[in-house]
Amino acid sequence: MGLDLVEMIIRIEEEFEIIIPDEAAETMITPRNVIDFLMSQSKVSQKWSRDYVSITVWQILEDETGIKRENFNEDSRFVQDMGLD
């Protein structure tokens, strides 16, 4: 996992006040994977809607990488499609 993705994971952990295990983070290859993981965590799903989580993940992705949501979708791959390392 490259530095861009590590920084994004750290921001997501801070925002949602959870810890994402390395094993789980390594399987997150698309925004959908991240959002689905977050929604599977009761601490997140009991507090926020999927729409809120999705918007927040995209905002973090944009802040950390400069990637614009309008150029990608939830199934775009971070490395192959977005060019993150």
N, C-alpha and C. Protein backbone atom coordinates (compact mmCIF):
# COMPACT_ATOMS: atom_id res chain seq x y z
N MET A 1 0.85 -1.18 0.00
CA MET A 1 0.00 0.00 0.00
C MET A 1 0.89 1.23 0.00
N GLY A 2 0.63 2.12 -0.93
CA GLY A 2 1.45 3.31 -1.06
C GLY A 2 1.10 4.39 -0.04
N LEU A 3 1.93 5.41 -0.01
CA LEU A 3 1.77 6.49 0.96
C LEU A 3 0.43 7.21 0.82
N ASP A 4 -0.03 7.47 -0.41
CA ASP A 4 -1.33 8.12 -0.60
C ASP A 4 -2.44 7.34 0.07
N LEU A 5 -2.43 6.04 -0.14
CA LEU A 5 -3.48 5.20 0.43
C LEU A 5 -3.36 5.09 1.94
N VAL A 6 -2.15 5.03 2.45
CA VAL A 6 -1.95 4.98 3.90
C VAL A 6 -2.47 6.26 4.55
N GLU A 7 -2.16 7.39 3.97
CA GLU A 7 -2.65 8.67 4.50
C GLU A 7 -4.17 8.74 4.46
N MET A 8 -4.75 8.21 3.38
CA MET A 8 -6.20 8.20 3.27
C MET A 8 -6.81 7.33 4.37
N ILE A 9 -6.25 6.16 4.60
CA ILE A 9 -6.75 5.26 5.64
C ILE A 9 -6.65 5.93 7.02
N ILE A 10 -5.55 6.59 7.28
CA ILE A 10 -5.38 7.28 8.57
C ILE A 10 -6.46 8.34 8.76
N ARG A 11 -6.71 9.12 7.72
CA ARG A 11 -7.76 10.15 7.81
C ARG A 11 -9.13 9.54 8.03
N ILE A 12 -9.39 8.42 7.37
CA ILE A 12 -10.68 7.75 7.55
C ILE A 12 -10.81 7.24 8.98
N GLU A 13 -9.74 6.66 9.51
CA GLU A 13 -9.76 6.19 10.89
C GLU A 13 -10.04 7.35 11.85
N GLU A 14 -9.40 8.47 11.63
CA GLU A 14 -9.61 9.64 12.49
C GLU A 14 -11.03 10.16 12.38
N GLU A 15 -11.52 10.27 11.16
CA GLU A 15 -12.86 10.81 10.93
C GLU A 15 -13.95 9.95 11.58
N PHE A 16 -13.82 8.63 11.42
CA PHE A 16 -14.86 7.74 11.92
C PHE A 16 -14.53 7.11 13.27
N GLU A 17 -13.40 7.51 13.84
CA GLU A 17 -13.00 7.07 15.17
C GLU A 17 -12.97 5.54 15.29
N ILE A 18 -12.31 4.90 14.31
CA ILE A 18 -12.15 3.46 14.33
C ILE A 18 -10.72 3.12 13.94
N ILE A 19 -10.36 1.87 14.12
CA ILE A 19 -9.08 1.36 13.66
C ILE A 19 -9.37 0.37 12.54
N ILE A 20 -8.70 0.55 11.42
CA ILE A 20 -8.84 -0.37 10.30
C ILE A 20 -7.61 -1.28 10.33
N PRO A 21 -7.82 -2.57 10.58
CA PRO A 21 -6.68 -3.49 10.61
C PRO A 21 -5.96 -3.51 9.26
N ASP A 22 -4.65 -3.70 9.30
CA ASP A 22 -3.86 -3.74 8.07
C ASP A 22 -4.41 -4.75 7.08
N GLU A 23 -4.83 -5.91 7.58
CA GLU A 23 -5.36 -6.95 6.69
C GLU A 23 -6.60 -6.46 5.95
N ALA A 24 -7.45 -5.71 6.62
CA ALA A 24 -8.65 -5.17 5.99
C ALA A 24 -8.28 -4.07 5.01
N ALA A 25 -7.36 -3.20 5.41
CA ALA A 25 -6.95 -2.09 4.55
C ALA A 25 -6.38 -2.60 3.22
N GLU A 26 -5.64 -3.70 3.29
CA GLU A 26 -5.02 -4.24 2.08
C GLU A 26 -6.04 -4.77 1.09
N THR A 27 -7.25 -5.08 1.54
CA THR A 27 -8.28 -5.58 0.64
C THR A 27 -9.13 -4.45 0.04
N MET A 28 -8.92 -3.25 0.51
CA MET A 28 -9.71 -2.10 0.04
C MET A 28 -9.08 -1.54 -1.22
N ILE A 29 -9.58 -1.99 -2.36
CA ILE A 29 -9.00 -1.55 -3.63
C ILE A 29 -9.89 -0.57 -4.37
N THR A 30 -11.10 -0.33 -3.85
CA THR A 30 -12.02 0.63 -4.46
C THR A 30 -12.68 1.45 -3.35
N PRO A 31 -13.24 2.61 -3.69
CA PRO A 31 -14.00 3.36 -2.69
C PRO A 31 -15.15 2.53 -2.12
N ARG A 32 -15.80 1.70 -2.96
CA ARG A 32 -16.90 0.86 -2.47
C ARG A 32 -16.42 -0.07 -1.36
N ASN A 33 -15.22 -0.65 -1.54
CA ASN A 33 -14.67 -1.52 -0.50
C ASN A 33 -14.52 -0.78 0.82
N VAL A 34 -14.05 0.45 0.75
CA VAL A 34 -13.86 1.26 1.97
C VAL A 34 -15.21 1.55 2.61
N ILE A 35 -16.15 2.00 1.81
CA ILE A 35 -17.48 2.36 2.32
C ILE A 35 -18.17 1.13 2.91
N ASP A 36 -18.11 0.00 2.20
CA ASP A 36 -18.74 -1.22 2.71
C ASP A 36 -18.10 -1.67 4.02
N PHE A 37 -16.78 -1.58 4.11
CA PHE A 37 -16.11 -1.93 5.36
C PHE A 37 -16.60 -1.03 6.49
N LEU A 38 -16.62 0.27 6.24
CA LEU A 38 -17.05 1.20 7.27
C LEU A 38 -18.48 0.91 7.72
N MET A 39 -19.36 0.63 6.76
CA MET A 39 -20.75 0.34 7.10
C MET A 39 -20.90 -0.99 7.83
N SER A 40 -19.92 -1.87 7.72
CA SER A 40 -19.98 -3.15 8.44
C SER A 40 -19.56 -2.99 9.91
N GLN A 41 -19.05 -1.84 10.25
CA GLN A 41 -18.62 -1.56 11.62
C GLN A 41 -19.78 -0.90 12.36
N SER A 42 -20.26 -1.56 13.41
CA SER A 42 -21.43 -1.05 14.11
C SER A 42 -21.21 0.36 14.65
N LYS A 43 -20.00 0.68 15.04
CA LYS A 43 -19.70 2.02 15.56
C LYS A 43 -19.98 3.08 14.49
N VAL A 44 -19.80 2.72 13.23
CA VAL A 44 -20.05 3.65 12.12
C VAL A 44 -21.51 3.60 11.70
N SER A 45 -22.01 2.39 11.42
CA SER A 45 -23.35 2.26 10.85
C SER A 45 -24.45 2.71 11.81
N GLN A 46 -24.21 2.65 13.10
CA GLN A 46 -25.21 3.11 14.06
C GLN A 46 -25.23 4.63 14.18
N LYS A 47 -24.16 5.26 13.73
CA LYS A 47 -24.03 6.71 13.90
C LYS A 47 -24.29 7.49 12.61
N TRP A 48 -23.90 6.91 11.45
CA TRP A 48 -23.98 7.63 10.19
C TRP A 48 -24.67 6.80 9.11
N SER A 49 -25.30 7.50 8.17
CA SER A 49 -25.92 6.83 7.02
C SER A 49 -24.86 6.47 5.99
N ARG A 50 -25.22 5.56 5.07
CA ARG A 50 -24.29 5.20 4.01
C ARG A 50 -23.98 6.41 3.14
N ASP A 51 -24.97 7.24 2.90
CA ASP A 51 -24.73 8.45 2.09
C ASP A 51 -23.69 9.35 2.75
N TYR A 52 -23.81 9.55 4.05
CA TYR A 52 -22.84 10.38 4.76
C TYR A 52 -21.45 9.76 4.68
N VAL A 53 -21.36 8.47 4.91
CA VAL A 53 -20.07 7.78 4.86
C VAL A 53 -19.47 7.89 3.47
N SER A 54 -20.28 7.69 2.45
CA SER A 54 -19.80 7.77 1.07
C SER A 54 -19.26 9.16 0.75
N ILE A 55 -20.02 10.18 1.07
CA ILE A 55 -19.59 11.56 0.80
C ILE A 55 -18.31 11.88 1.55
N THR A 56 -18.23 11.45 2.79
CA THR A 56 -17.04 11.73 3.61
C THR A 56 -15.82 11.01 3.06
N VAL A 57 -15.97 9.76 2.65
CA VAL A 57 -14.85 9.02 2.05
C VAL A 57 -14.37 9.73 0.80
N TRP A 58 -15.29 10.17 -0.04
CA TRP A 58 -14.88 10.87 -1.27
C TRP A 58 -14.20 12.20 -0.95
N GLN A 59 -14.68 12.92 0.06
CA GLN A 59 -14.03 14.17 0.45
C GLN A 59 -12.61 13.91 0.93
N ILE A 60 -12.42 12.87 1.73
CA ILE A 60 -11.09 12.52 2.21
C ILE A 60 -10.20 12.13 1.04
N LEU A 61 -10.73 11.33 0.14
CA LEU A 61 -9.96 10.92 -1.04
C LEU A 61 -9.53 12.13 -1.86
N GLU A 62 -10.43 13.06 -2.05
CA GLU A 62 -10.11 14.28 -2.80
C GLU A 62 -9.08 15.13 -2.06
N ASP A 63 -9.27 15.30 -0.75
CA ASP A 63 -8.32 16.10 0.04
C ASP A 63 -6.92 15.51 0.03
N GLU A 64 -6.84 14.19 0.20
CA GLU A 64 -5.54 13.53 0.33
C GLU A 64 -4.83 13.31 -1.00
N THR A 65 -5.59 13.18 -2.08
CA THR A 65 -4.97 12.80 -3.36
C THR A 65 -5.21 13.78 -4.49
N GLY A 66 -6.18 14.65 -4.34
CA GLY A 66 -6.52 15.56 -5.43
C GLY A 66 -7.42 14.94 -6.49
N ILE A 67 -7.82 13.70 -6.27
CA ILE A 67 -8.68 13.00 -7.23
C ILE A 67 -10.10 13.54 -7.11
N LYS A 68 -10.70 13.86 -8.24
CA LYS A 68 -12.05 14.40 -8.27
C LYS A 68 -13.07 13.28 -8.45
N ARG A 69 -14.10 13.30 -7.63
CA ARG A 69 -15.12 12.25 -7.66
C ARG A 69 -15.78 12.14 -9.04
N GLU A 70 -15.99 13.25 -9.71
CA GLU A 70 -16.70 13.20 -10.99
C GLU A 70 -15.94 12.41 -12.05
N ASN A 71 -14.65 12.16 -11.83
CA ASN A 71 -13.86 11.39 -12.79
C ASN A 71 -13.86 9.90 -12.51
N PHE A 72 -14.43 9.48 -11.38
CA PHE A 72 -14.39 8.08 -10.97
C PHE A 72 -15.71 7.69 -10.32
N ASN A 73 -15.87 6.39 -10.06
CA ASN A 73 -17.06 5.91 -9.38
C ASN A 73 -16.64 4.99 -8.23
N GLU A 74 -17.61 4.45 -7.51
CA GLU A 74 -17.30 3.63 -6.34
C GLU A 74 -16.52 2.37 -6.68
N ASP A 75 -16.59 1.94 -7.93
CA ASP A 75 -15.88 0.71 -8.32
C ASP A 75 -14.55 0.98 -9.01
N SER A 76 -14.16 2.24 -9.11
CA SER A 76 -12.85 2.57 -9.69
C SER A 76 -11.77 2.09 -8.72
N ARG A 77 -10.74 1.47 -9.26
CA ARG A 77 -9.66 0.94 -8.42
C ARG A 77 -8.64 2.04 -8.13
N PHE A 78 -8.21 2.09 -6.88
CA PHE A 78 -7.28 3.13 -6.46
C PHE A 78 -5.99 3.12 -7.27
N VAL A 79 -5.40 1.96 -7.46
CA VAL A 79 -4.10 1.88 -8.14
C VAL A 79 -4.27 1.89 -9.66
N GLN A 80 -5.03 0.95 -10.18
CA GLN A 80 -5.13 0.80 -11.63
C GLN A 80 -5.87 1.95 -12.31
N ASP A 81 -6.95 2.43 -11.73
CA ASP A 81 -7.77 3.47 -12.37
C ASP A 81 -7.40 4.88 -11.95
N MET A 82 -7.08 5.05 -10.66
CA MET A 82 -6.81 6.39 -10.13
C MET A 82 -5.32 6.73 -10.10
N GLY A 83 -4.50 5.73 -10.29
CA GLY A 83 -3.05 5.96 -10.33
C GLY A 83 -2.39 6.18 -8.99
N LEU A 84 -3.08 5.78 -7.91
CA LEU A 84 -2.48 5.92 -6.58
C LEU A 84 -1.53 4.75 -6.33
N ASP A 85 -0.53 5.00 -5.52
CA ASP A 85 0.37 3.90 -5.18
C ASP A 85 0.43 3.71 -3.70
